[in-house]
Amino acid sequence: MWFRRSEAASTIEAGSVFRRDGEERNLVETASVLKVKADSFGIPHVHYNICYQRPHETIADGPRILSLETFRKRYRQRVGH
C-alpha cells in the first residue's frame, strides 16, 4: 500500500495539469497542481487550482484540496508531458 502511494505522489507533482470531462455536457475541468503535501496523519493531499471551461465561458477557482487517492480517481487525463 505505501509503495502505491509513493508511486502516485511521484506522478502527481507541482506543475502537473490534469483534465476530465465534467458531469454537465460541454464542460471540461482542468486541475493545475500547486503542491502535494501530507497532513498531520501522513495522508497525502493535492492542493490545486481548477478551471471550468464551457464553449463560451471559463471560470477559475481555487485553491482546492483533495486526498491524493481521490484526486487520482477524479483527474485521470494528464495534460502535457
PDB file of N, CA and C in Angstrom:
ATOM      1  N   MET A   1       0.816  -1.196   0.000  1.00  0.00           N
ATOM      2  CA  MET A   1       0.000   0.000   0.000  1.00  0.00           C
ATOM      3  C   MET A   1       0.861   1.263   0.000  1.00  0.00           C
ATOM      4  N   TRP A   2       1.886   1.302   0.839  1.00  0.00           N
ATOM      5  CA  TRP A   2       2.732   2.501   0.882  1.00  0.00           C
ATOM      6  C   TRP A   2       3.471   2.713  -0.428  1.00  0.00           C
ATOM      7  N   PHE A   3       3.845   1.615  -1.091  1.00  0.00           N
ATOM      8  CA  PHE A   3       4.521   1.736  -2.371  1.00  0.00           C
ATOM      9  C   PHE A   3       3.635   2.427  -3.388  1.00  0.00           C
ATOM     10  N   ARG A   4       2.357   2.063  -3.411  1.00  0.00           N
ATOM     11  CA  ARG A   4       1.442   2.671  -4.366  1.00  0.00           C
ATOM     12  C   ARG A   4       1.298   4.168  -4.105  1.00  0.00           C
ATOM     13  N   ARG A   5       1.243   4.556  -2.855  1.00  0.00           N
ATOM     14  CA  ARG A   5       1.112   5.985  -2.538  1.00  0.00           C
ATOM     15  C   ARG A   5       2.343   6.762  -2.989  1.00  0.00           C
ATOM     16  N   SER A   6       3.526   6.245  -2.696  1.00  0.00           N
ATOM     17  CA  SER A   6       4.729   6.969  -3.103  1.00  0.00           C
ATOM     18  C   SER A   6       4.860   6.993  -4.620  1.00  0.00           C
ATOM     19  N   GLU A   7       4.427   5.919  -5.284  1.00  0.00           N
ATOM     20  CA  GLU A   7       4.438   5.883  -6.748  1.00  0.00           C
ATOM     21  C   GLU A   7       3.490   6.939  -7.300  1.00  0.00           C
ATOM     22  N   ALA A   8       2.297   7.067  -6.709  1.00  0.00           N
ATOM     23  CA  ALA A   8       1.319   8.059  -7.160  1.00  0.00           C
ATOM     24  C   ALA A   8       1.826   9.470  -6.908  1.00  0.00           C
ATOM     25  N   ALA A   9       2.479   9.672  -5.777  1.00  0.00           N
ATOM     26  CA  ALA A   9       2.984  11.004  -5.447  1.00  0.00           C
ATOM     27  C   ALA A   9       4.028  11.453  -6.462  1.00  0.00           C
ATOM     28  N   SER A  10       4.787  10.513  -7.022  1.00  0.00           N
ATOM     29  CA  SER A  10       5.823  10.893  -7.973  1.00  0.00           C
ATOM     30  C   SER A  10       5.235  11.298  -9.327  1.00  0.00           C
ATOM     31  N   THR A  11       4.034  10.836  -9.650  1.00  0.00           N
ATOM     32  CA  THR A  11       3.442  11.188 -10.930  1.00  0.00           C
ATOM     33  C   THR A  11       2.560  12.430 -10.833  1.00  0.00           C
ATOM     34  N   ILE A  12       2.095  12.749  -9.645  1.00  0.00           N
ATOM     35  CA  ILE A  12       1.305  13.959  -9.431  1.00  0.00           C
ATOM     36  C   ILE A  12       2.164  14.894  -8.597  1.00  0.00           C
ATOM     37  N   GLU A  13       2.615  15.975  -9.239  1.00  0.00           N
ATOM     38  CA  GLU A  13       3.528  16.901  -8.575  1.00  0.00           C
ATOM     39  C   GLU A  13       3.208  18.328  -8.980  1.00  0.00           C
ATOM     40  N   ALA A  14       3.786  19.276  -8.260  1.00  0.00           N
ATOM     41  CA  ALA A  14       3.569  20.685  -8.555  1.00  0.00           C
ATOM     42  C   ALA A  14       3.850  20.956 -10.028  1.00  0.00           C
ATOM     43  N   GLY A  15       2.946  21.668 -10.669  1.00  0.00           N
ATOM     44  CA  GLY A  15       3.092  21.993 -12.079  1.00  0.00           C
ATOM     45  C   GLY A  15       2.370  21.039 -13.016  1.00  0.00           C
ATOM     46  N   SER A  16       1.973  19.875 -12.506  1.00  0.00           N
ATOM     47  CA  SER A  16       1.226  18.918 -13.332  1.00  0.00           C
ATOM     48  C   SER A  16      -0.172  19.463 -13.614  1.00  0.00           C
ATOM     49  N   VAL A  17      -0.700  19.129 -14.781  1.00  0.00           N
ATOM     50  CA  VAL A  17      -2.042  19.566 -15.165  1.00  0.00           C
ATOM     51  C   VAL A  17      -2.838  18.342 -15.603  1.00  0.00           C
ATOM     52  N   PHE A  18      -4.060  18.258 -15.098  1.00  0.00           N
ATOM     53  CA  PHE A  18      -4.943  17.129 -15.403  1.00  0.00           C
ATOM     54  C   PHE A  18      -6.294  17.647 -15.855  1.00  0.00           C
ATOM     55  N   ARG A  19      -6.984  16.833 -16.635  1.00  0.00           N
ATOM     56  CA  ARG A  19      -8.268  17.248 -17.205  1.00  0.00           C
ATOM     57  C   ARG A  19      -9.261  16.112 -17.093  1.00  0.00           C
ATOM     58  N   ARG A  20     -10.539  16.474 -16.989  1.00  0.00           N
ATOM     59  CA  ARG A  20     -11.620  15.486 -17.061  1.00  0.00           C
ATOM     60  C   ARG A  20     -12.858  16.170 -17.604  1.00  0.00           C
ATOM     61  N   ASP A  21     -13.702  15.380 -18.252  1.00  0.00           N
ATOM     62  CA  ASP A  21     -14.984  15.901 -18.717  1.00  0.00           C
ATOM     63  C   ASP A  21     -15.874  16.076 -17.499  1.00  0.00           C
ATOM     64  N   GLY A  22     -16.564  17.209 -17.438  1.00  0.00           N
ATOM     65  CA  GLY A  22     -17.439  17.478 -16.314  1.00  0.00           C
ATOM     66  C   GLY A  22     -18.717  16.667 -16.386  1.00  0.00           C
ATOM     67  N   GLU A  23     -19.476  16.711 -15.308  1.00  0.00           N
ATOM     68  CA  GLU A  23     -20.740  15.988 -15.261  1.00  0.00           C
ATOM     69  C   GLU A  23     -21.771  16.611 -16.198  1.00  0.00           C
ATOM     70  N   GLU A  24     -21.626  17.899 -16.427  1.00  0.00           N
ATOM     71  CA  GLU A  24     -22.504  18.613 -17.355  1.00  0.00           C
ATOM     72  C   GLU A  24     -22.001  18.429 -18.778  1.00  0.00           C
ATOM     73  N   ARG A  25     -22.888  18.470 -19.731  1.00  0.00           N
ATOM     74  CA  ARG A  25     -22.499  18.386 -21.136  1.00  0.00           C
ATOM     75  C   ARG A  25     -21.711  19.643 -21.526  1.00  0.00           C
ATOM     76  N   ASN A  26     -20.705  19.482 -22.348  1.00  0.00           N
ATOM     77  CA  ASN A  26     -19.874  20.590 -22.834  1.00  0.00           C
ATOM     78  C   ASN A  26     -19.090  21.293 -21.723  1.00  0.00           C
ATOM     79  N   LEU A  27     -18.772  20.593 -20.662  1.00  0.00           N
ATOM     80  CA  LEU A  27     -17.992  21.157 -19.569  1.00  0.00           C
ATOM     81  C   LEU A  27     -16.713  20.347 -19.405  1.00  0.00           C
ATOM     82  N   VAL A  28     -15.578  21.046 -19.344  1.00  0.00           N
ATOM     83  CA  VAL A  28     -14.287  20.403 -19.126  1.00  0.00           C
ATOM     84  C   VAL A  28     -13.671  21.019 -17.878  1.00  0.00           C
ATOM     85  N   GLU A  29     -13.157  20.169 -16.988  1.00  0.00           N
ATOM     86  CA  GLU A  29     -12.475  20.629 -15.788  1.00  0.00           C
ATOM     87  C   GLU A  29     -10.983  20.429 -15.978  1.00  0.00           C
ATOM     88  N   THR A  30     -10.197  21.462 -15.682  1.00  0.00           N
ATOM     89  CA  THR A  30      -8.749  21.372 -15.750  1.00  0.00           C
ATOM     90  C   THR A  30      -8.183  21.713 -14.376  1.00  0.00           C
ATOM     91  N   ALA A  31      -7.403  20.798 -13.816  1.00  0.00           N
ATOM     92  CA  ALA A  31      -6.818  20.986 -12.489  1.00  0.00           C
ATOM     93  C   ALA A  31      -5.313  21.187 -12.624  1.00  0.00           C
ATOM     94  N   SER A  32      -4.814  22.280 -12.047  1.00  0.00           N
ATOM     95  CA  SER A  32      -3.381  22.582 -12.054  1.00  0.00           C
ATOM     96  C   SER A  32      -2.843  22.371 -10.641  1.00  0.00           C
ATOM     97  N   VAL A  33      -1.941  21.426 -10.485  1.00  0.00           N
ATOM     98  CA  VAL A  33      -1.433  21.063  -9.169  1.00  0.00           C
ATOM     99  C   VAL A  33      -0.471  22.135  -8.647  1.00  0.00           C
ATOM    100  N   LEU A  34      -0.740  22.587  -7.430  1.00  0.00           N
ATOM    101  CA  LEU A  34       0.136  23.554  -6.760  1.00  0.00           C
ATOM    102  C   LEU A  34       1.194  22.838  -5.929  1.00  0.00           C
ATOM    103  N   LYS A  35       0.756  21.818  -5.167  1.00  0.00           N
ATOM    104  CA  LYS A  35       1.685  21.031  -4.360  1.00  0.00           C
ATOM    105  C   LYS A  35       0.992  19.764  -3.880  1.00  0.00           C
ATOM    106  N   VAL A  36       1.789  18.793  -3.478  1.00  0.00           N
ATOM    107  CA  VAL A  36       1.303  17.568  -2.841  1.00  0.00           C
ATOM    108  C   VAL A  36       1.964  17.544  -1.471  1.00  0.00           C
ATOM    109  N   LYS A  37       1.127  17.484  -0.429  1.00  0.00           N
ATOM    110  CA  LYS A  37       1.656  17.588   0.932  1.00  0.00           C
ATOM    111  C   LYS A  37       0.867  16.668   1.853  1.00  0.00           C
ATOM    112  N   ALA A  38       1.573  15.965   2.723  1.00  0.00           N
ATOM    113  CA  ALA A  38       0.924  15.077   3.692  1.00  0.00           C
ATOM    114  C   ALA A  38       0.356  15.892   4.853  1.00  0.00           C
ATOM    115  N   ASP A  39      -0.803  15.463   5.353  1.00  0.00           N
ATOM    116  CA  ASP A  39      -1.387  16.118   6.518  1.00  0.00           C
ATOM    117  C   ASP A  39      -0.736  15.579   7.795  1.00  0.00           C
ATOM    118  N   SER A  40      -1.240  15.953   8.964  1.00  0.00           N
ATOM    119  CA  SER A  40      -0.630  15.553  10.235  1.00  0.00           C
ATOM    120  C   SER A  40      -0.723  14.048  10.493  1.00  0.00           C
ATOM    121  N   PHE A  41      -1.595  13.343   9.746  1.00  0.00           N
ATOM    122  CA  PHE A  41      -1.702  11.897   9.875  1.00  0.00           C
ATOM    123  C   PHE A  41      -0.871  11.161   8.824  1.00  0.00           C
ATOM    124  N   GLY A  42      -0.170  11.910   7.988  1.00  0.00           N
ATOM    125  CA  GLY A  42       0.660  11.305   6.952  1.00  0.00           C
ATOM    126  C   GLY A  42      -0.081  11.003   5.659  1.00  0.00           C
ATOM    127  N   ILE A  43      -1.322  11.454   5.538  1.00  0.00           N
ATOM    128  CA  ILE A  43      -2.120  11.206   4.336  1.00  0.00           C
ATOM    129  C   ILE A  43      -1.812  12.304   3.314  1.00  0.00           C
ATOM    130  N   PRO A  44      -1.336  11.929   2.114  1.00  0.00           N
ATOM    131  CA  PRO A  44      -1.000  12.944   1.119  1.00  0.00           C
ATOM    132  C   PRO A  44      -2.248  13.593   0.512  1.00  0.00           C
ATOM    133  N   HIS A  45      -2.178  14.912   0.355  1.00  0.00           N
ATOM    134  CA  HIS A  45      -3.262  15.686  -0.256  1.00  0.00           C
ATOM    135  C   HIS A  45      -2.711  16.524  -1.391  1.00  0.00           C
ATOM    136  N   VAL A  46      -3.530  16.721  -2.404  1.00  0.00           N
ATOM    137  CA  VAL A  46      -3.171  17.538  -3.561  1.00  0.00           C
ATOM    138  C   VAL A  46      -3.837  18.901  -3.403  1.00  0.00           C
ATOM    139  N   HIS A  47      -3.043  19.935  -3.474  1.00  0.00           N
ATOM    140  CA  HIS A  47      -3.535  21.308  -3.461  1.00  0.00           C
ATOM    141  C   HIS A  47      -3.503  21.772  -4.915  1.00  0.00           C
ATOM    142  N   TYR A  48      -4.620  22.275  -5.411  1.00  0.00           N
ATOM    143  CA  TYR A  48      -4.698  22.589  -6.837  1.00  0.00           C
ATOM    144  C   TYR A  48      -5.681  23.733  -7.112  1.00  0.00           C
ATOM    145  N   ASN A  49      -5.519  24.338  -8.265  1.00  0.00           N
ATOM    146  CA  ASN A  49      -6.485  25.302  -8.799  1.00  0.00           C
ATOM    147  C   ASN A  49      -7.293  24.586  -9.869  1.00  0.00           C
ATOM    148  N   ILE A  50      -8.513  25.041 -10.071  1.00  0.00           N
ATOM    149  CA  ILE A  50      -9.369  24.391 -11.061  1.00  0.00           C
ATOM    150  C   ILE A  50      -9.925  25.436 -12.033  1.00  0.00           C
ATOM    151  N   CYS A  51     -10.122  25.015 -13.258  1.00  0.00           N
ATOM    152  CA  CYS A  51     -10.696  25.875 -14.290  1.00  0.00           C
ATOM    153  C   CYS A  51     -11.812  25.095 -14.976  1.00  0.00           C
ATOM    154  N   TYR A  52     -13.002  25.676 -14.994  1.00  0.00           N
ATOM    155  CA  TYR A  52     -14.144  25.065 -15.685  1.00  0.00           C
ATOM    156  C   TYR A  52     -14.287  25.752 -17.030  1.00  0.00           C
ATOM    157  N   GLN A  53     -14.361  24.968 -18.093  1.00  0.00           N
ATOM    158  CA  GLN A  53     -14.455  25.542 -19.434  1.00  0.00           C
ATOM    159  C   GLN A  53     -15.695  25.028 -20.148  1.00  0.00           C
ATOM    160  N   ARG A  54     -16.480  25.972 -20.617  1.00  0.00           N
ATOM    161  CA  ARG A  54     -17.617  25.691 -21.491  1.00  0.00           C
ATOM    162  C   ARG A  54     -17.320  26.388 -22.815  1.00  0.00           C
ATOM    163  N   PRO A  55     -18.115  26.128 -23.862  1.00  0.00           N
ATOM    164  CA  PRO A  55     -17.812  26.738 -25.162  1.00  0.00           C
ATOM    165  C   PRO A  55     -17.605  28.261 -25.132  1.00  0.00           C
ATOM    166  N   HIS A  56     -18.380  28.993 -24.335  1.00  0.00           N
ATOM    167  CA  HIS A  56     -18.257  30.458 -24.344  1.00  0.00           C
ATOM    168  C   HIS A  56     -18.015  31.034 -22.959  1.00  0.00           C
ATOM    169  N   GLU A  57     -17.458  30.207 -22.054  1.00  0.00           N
ATOM    170  CA  GLU A  57     -17.269  30.668 -20.683  1.00  0.00           C
ATOM    171  C   GLU A  57     -16.136  29.888 -20.018  1.00  0.00           C
ATOM    172  N   THR A  58     -15.316  30.598 -19.243  1.00  0.00           N
ATOM    173  CA  THR A  58     -14.270  29.978 -18.453  1.00  0.00           C
ATOM    174  C   THR A  58     -14.353  30.528 -17.039  1.00  0.00           C
ATOM    175  N   ILE A  59     -14.348  29.629 -16.056  1.00  0.00           N
ATOM    176  CA  ILE A  59     -14.425  30.032 -14.658  1.00  0.00           C
ATOM    177  C   ILE A  59     -13.252  29.397 -13.926  1.00  0.00           C
ATOM    178  N   ALA A  60     -12.444  30.211 -13.251  1.00  0.00           N
ATOM    179  CA  ALA A  60     -11.311  29.713 -12.473  1.00  0.00           C
ATOM    180  C   ALA A  60     -11.666  29.754 -10.991  1.00  0.00           C
ATOM    181  N   ASP A  61     -11.170  28.764 -10.244  1.00  0.00           N
ATOM    182  CA  ASP A  61     -11.458  28.702  -8.815  1.00  0.00           C
ATOM    183  C   ASP A  61     -10.302  28.007  -8.107  1.00  0.00           C
ATOM    184  N   GLY A  62     -10.158  28.260  -6.844  1.00  0.00           N
ATOM    185  CA  GLY A  62      -9.161  27.572  -6.038  1.00  0.00           C
ATOM    186  C   GLY A  62      -8.483  28.524  -5.099  1.00  0.00           C
ATOM    187  N   PRO A  63      -7.574  28.056  -4.327  1.00  0.00           N
ATOM    188  CA  PRO A  63      -7.095  26.683  -4.336  1.00  0.00           C
ATOM    189  C   PRO A  63      -8.074  25.722  -3.660  1.00  0.00           C
ATOM    190  N   ARG A  64      -7.980  24.464  -4.054  1.00  0.00           N
ATOM    191  CA  ARG A  64      -8.786  23.384  -3.502  1.00  0.00           C
ATOM    192  C   ARG A  64      -7.849  22.282  -3.017  1.00  0.00           C
ATOM    193  N   ILE A  65      -8.400  21.359  -2.211  1.00  0.00           N
ATOM    194  CA  ILE A  65      -7.604  20.256  -1.671  1.00  0.00           C
ATOM    195  C   ILE A  65      -8.406  18.963  -1.763  1.00  0.00           C
ATOM    196  N   LEU A  66      -7.759  17.902  -2.266  1.00  0.00           N
ATOM    197  CA  LEU A  66      -8.324  16.559  -2.265  1.00  0.00           C
ATOM    198  C   LEU A  66      -7.234  15.585  -1.821  1.00  0.00           C
ATOM    199  N   SER A  67      -7.652  14.469  -1.234  1.00  0.00           N
ATOM    200  CA  SER A  67      -6.657  13.443  -0.930  1.00  0.00           C
ATOM    201  C   SER A  67      -6.049  12.987  -2.251  1.00  0.00           C
ATOM    202  N   LEU A  68      -4.832  12.515  -2.197  1.00  0.00           N
ATOM    203  CA  LEU A  68      -4.135  12.077  -3.404  1.00  0.00           C
ATOM    204  C   LEU A  68      -4.921  10.990  -4.121  1.00  0.00           C
ATOM    205  N   GLU A  69      -5.437  10.037  -3.369  1.00  0.00           N
ATOM    206  CA  GLU A  69      -6.178   8.929  -3.972  1.00  0.00           C
ATOM    207  C   GLU A  69      -7.444   9.432  -4.685  1.00  0.00           C
ATOM    208  N   THR A  70      -8.183  10.329  -4.060  1.00  0.00           N
ATOM    209  CA  THR A  70      -9.395  10.882  -4.677  1.00  0.00           C
ATOM    210  C   THR A  70      -9.049  11.689  -5.912  1.00  0.00           C
ATOM    211  N   PHE A  71      -7.984  12.487  -5.834  1.00  0.00           N
ATOM    212  CA  PHE A  71      -7.547  13.272  -6.988  1.00  0.00           C
ATOM    213  C   PHE A  71      -7.216  12.356  -8.156  1.00  0.00           C
ATOM    214  N   ARG A  72      -6.468  11.271  -7.892  1.00  0.00           N
ATOM    215  CA  ARG A  72      -6.101  10.321  -8.947  1.00  0.00           C
ATOM    216  C   ARG A  72      -7.324   9.702  -9.611  1.00  0.00           C
ATOM    217  N   LYS A  73      -8.347   9.399  -8.830  1.00  0.00           N
ATOM    218  CA  LYS A  73      -9.565   8.800  -9.385  1.00  0.00           C
ATOM    219  C   LYS A  73     -10.356   9.811 -10.212  1.00  0.00           C
ATOM    220  N   ARG A  74     -10.370  11.064  -9.776  1.00  0.00           N
ATOM    221  CA  ARG A  74     -11.167  12.089 -10.448  1.00  0.00           C
ATOM    222  C   ARG A  74     -10.489  12.626 -11.703  1.00  0.00           C
ATOM    223  N   TYR A  75      -9.201  12.900 -11.629  1.00  0.00           N
ATOM    224  CA  TYR A  75      -8.474  13.513 -12.756  1.00  0.00           C
ATOM    225  C   TYR A  75      -7.494  12.503 -13.332  1.00  0.00           C
ATOM    226  N   ARG A  76      -7.927  11.742 -14.304  1.00  0.00           N
ATOM    227  CA  ARG A  76      -7.125  10.650 -14.874  1.00  0.00           C
ATOM    228  C   ARG A  76      -6.354  11.061 -16.127  1.00  0.00           C
ATOM    229  N   GLN A  77      -6.770  12.116 -16.788  1.00  0.00           N
ATOM    230  CA  GLN A  77      -6.147  12.501 -18.055  1.00  0.00           C
ATOM    231  C   GLN A  77      -5.113  13.593 -17.811  1.00  0.00           C
ATOM    232  N   ARG A  78      -3.847  13.230 -17.943  1.00  0.00           N
ATOM    233  CA  ARG A  78      -2.772  14.201 -17.762  1.00  0.00           C
ATOM    234  C   ARG A  78      -2.636  15.042 -19.032  1.00  0.00           C
ATOM    235  N   VAL A  79      -2.418  16.326 -18.868  1.00  0.00           N
ATOM    236  CA  VAL A  79      -2.253  17.241 -19.997  1.00  0.00           C
ATOM    237  C   VAL A  79      -0.771  17.592 -20.089  1.00  0.00           C
ATOM    238  N   GLY A  80      -0.187  17.416 -21.265  1.00  0.00           N
ATOM    239  CA  GLY A  80       1.231  17.710 -21.442  1.00  0.00           C
ATOM    240  C   GLY A  80       2.095  16.543 -20.989  1.00  0.00           C
ATOM    241  N   HIS A  81       3.397  16.722 -21.049  1.00  0.00           N
ATOM    242  CA  HIS A  81       4.427  15.723 -20.680  1.00  0.00           C
ATOM    243  C   HIS A  81       4.148  14.471 -21.435  1.00  0.00           C
TER     244      HIS A  81
END
